[in-house]
Protein backbone atom coordinates (compact mmCIF):
# COMPACT_ATOMS: atom_id res chain seq x y z
CA MET A 1 -29.33 -13.93 22.39
CA THR A 2 -30.40 -17.01 20.45
CA ILE A 3 -27.99 -19.60 19.11
CA THR A 4 -28.55 -18.36 15.55
CA MET A 5 -27.72 -14.78 16.55
CA LYS A 6 -24.58 -15.99 18.34
CA ARG A 7 -23.49 -17.87 15.23
CA ILE A 8 -24.12 -14.87 13.01
CA ALA A 9 -22.16 -12.66 15.40
CA ALA A 10 -19.28 -15.16 15.45
CA VAL A 11 -19.22 -15.37 11.63
CA LEU A 12 -19.27 -11.59 11.27
CA PHE A 13 -16.48 -11.23 13.82
CA SER A 14 -14.38 -13.86 12.01
CA ALA A 15 -14.96 -12.17 8.67
CA ALA A 16 -13.96 -8.79 10.09
CA MET A 17 -10.77 -10.22 11.59
CA ALA A 18 -9.87 -11.97 8.32
CA GLY A 19 -10.46 -8.75 6.39
CA SER A 20 -8.25 -6.72 8.70
CA ALA A 21 -5.50 -9.36 8.49
CA LEU A 22 -5.68 -9.25 4.70
CA ALA A 23 -5.57 -5.45 4.70
CA ALA A 24 -2.56 -5.54 7.04
CA GLY A 25 -0.78 -7.95 4.69
CA GLU A 26 -1.47 -5.72 1.72
CA ALA A 27 -0.24 -2.67 3.64
CA ASP A 28 2.94 -4.56 4.58
CA SER A 29 3.57 -5.43 0.90
CA LEU A 30 3.01 -1.83 -0.15
CA ARG A 31 5.30 -0.47 2.56
CA ALA A 32 7.98 -3.05 1.62
CA ALA A 33 7.87 -1.94 -2.02
CA LEU A 34 8.08 1.72 -0.99
CA GLU A 35 11.00 1.09 1.37
CA ASP A 36 12.83 -0.93 -1.27
CA SER A 37 12.41 1.89 -3.81
CA ASN A 38 13.71 4.35 -1.22
CA ALA A 39 16.76 2.19 -0.41
CA SER A 40 17.63 1.14 -3.97
CA GLY A 41 16.68 4.26 -5.91
CA LYS A 42 14.63 2.15 -8.31
CA GLY A 43 11.49 3.74 -9.66
CA LEU A 44 7.90 2.73 -9.11
CA THR A 45 4.69 3.51 -10.90
CA PHE A 46 2.08 4.66 -8.39
CA TYR A 47 -1.53 4.00 -9.32
CA VAL A 48 -3.67 6.65 -7.65
CA SER A 49 -7.36 7.16 -8.46
CA GLY A 50 -6.98 5.95 -12.04
CA SER A 51 -3.75 7.82 -12.74
CA ALA A 52 -0.32 6.28 -13.23
CA ILE A 53 2.46 8.38 -11.69
CA PRO A 54 6.11 7.32 -12.14
CA GLY A 55 8.62 8.24 -9.45
CA VAL A 56 11.39 7.22 -7.06
CA VAL A 57 10.58 7.21 -3.33
CA VAL A 58 12.66 9.69 -1.34
CA SER A 59 10.87 9.45 2.01
CA ILE A 60 8.02 7.62 3.74
CA ALA A 61 5.94 9.00 6.61
CA ASP A 62 3.00 7.51 8.49
CA LYS A 63 0.41 8.97 6.13
CA TYR A 64 2.39 10.19 3.11
CA VAL A 65 5.07 9.09 0.68
CA VAL A 66 7.30 11.62 -1.08
CA ALA A 67 8.66 10.72 -4.50
CA LYS A 68 10.54 12.52 -7.26
CA SER A 69 10.28 12.28 -11.00
CA GLN A 70 11.85 14.09 -13.92
CA ALA A 71 8.44 15.01 -15.34
CA GLN A 72 6.66 16.08 -12.13
CA GLY A 73 9.44 17.05 -9.70
CA THR A 74 8.45 16.38 -6.09
CA ILE A 75 5.30 14.31 -5.59
CA VAL A 76 3.49 13.86 -2.25
CA ILE A 77 0.92 11.05 -2.15
CA LYS A 78 -1.35 10.00 0.72
CA LEU A 79 -0.71 6.33 1.45
CA GLU A 80 -4.44 5.64 1.78
CA LYS A 81 -4.99 6.91 -1.79
CA ILE A 82 -2.49 4.52 -3.41
CA ASP A 83 -4.36 1.75 -5.22
CA ALA A 84 -1.21 -0.13 -6.31
CA VAL A 85 2.46 0.23 -7.16
CA ALA A 86 4.46 -1.52 -9.86
CA GLY A 87 8.19 -1.76 -10.44
CA PHE A 88 11.24 -3.97 -10.20
CA VAL A 89 11.83 -3.47 -6.50
CA GLY A 90 12.55 -6.54 -4.46
CA ASP A 91 14.09 -8.36 -7.43
CA ARG A 92 17.46 -9.79 -6.44
CA LYS A 93 18.54 -10.96 -9.91
């Protein structure tokens, strides 16, 4: 392997590790918001594939989150499909 190939391999490895660390941080933030909604009973808006779904988290599994809403009843969402969540969870004011 030439020096250039070694450098390219090292850069690609570093980029992959940085990307996985960023993804892990995002997943931790998402899980924290879900757990806070579950504990506090405060609602979240789930953004899933272009749709906004309001609900309160009632349980969290490894691959799914279960929420309830007055409009939709029980909602089961795959964690990997959630683009974002929004709400006033985590606010201590």
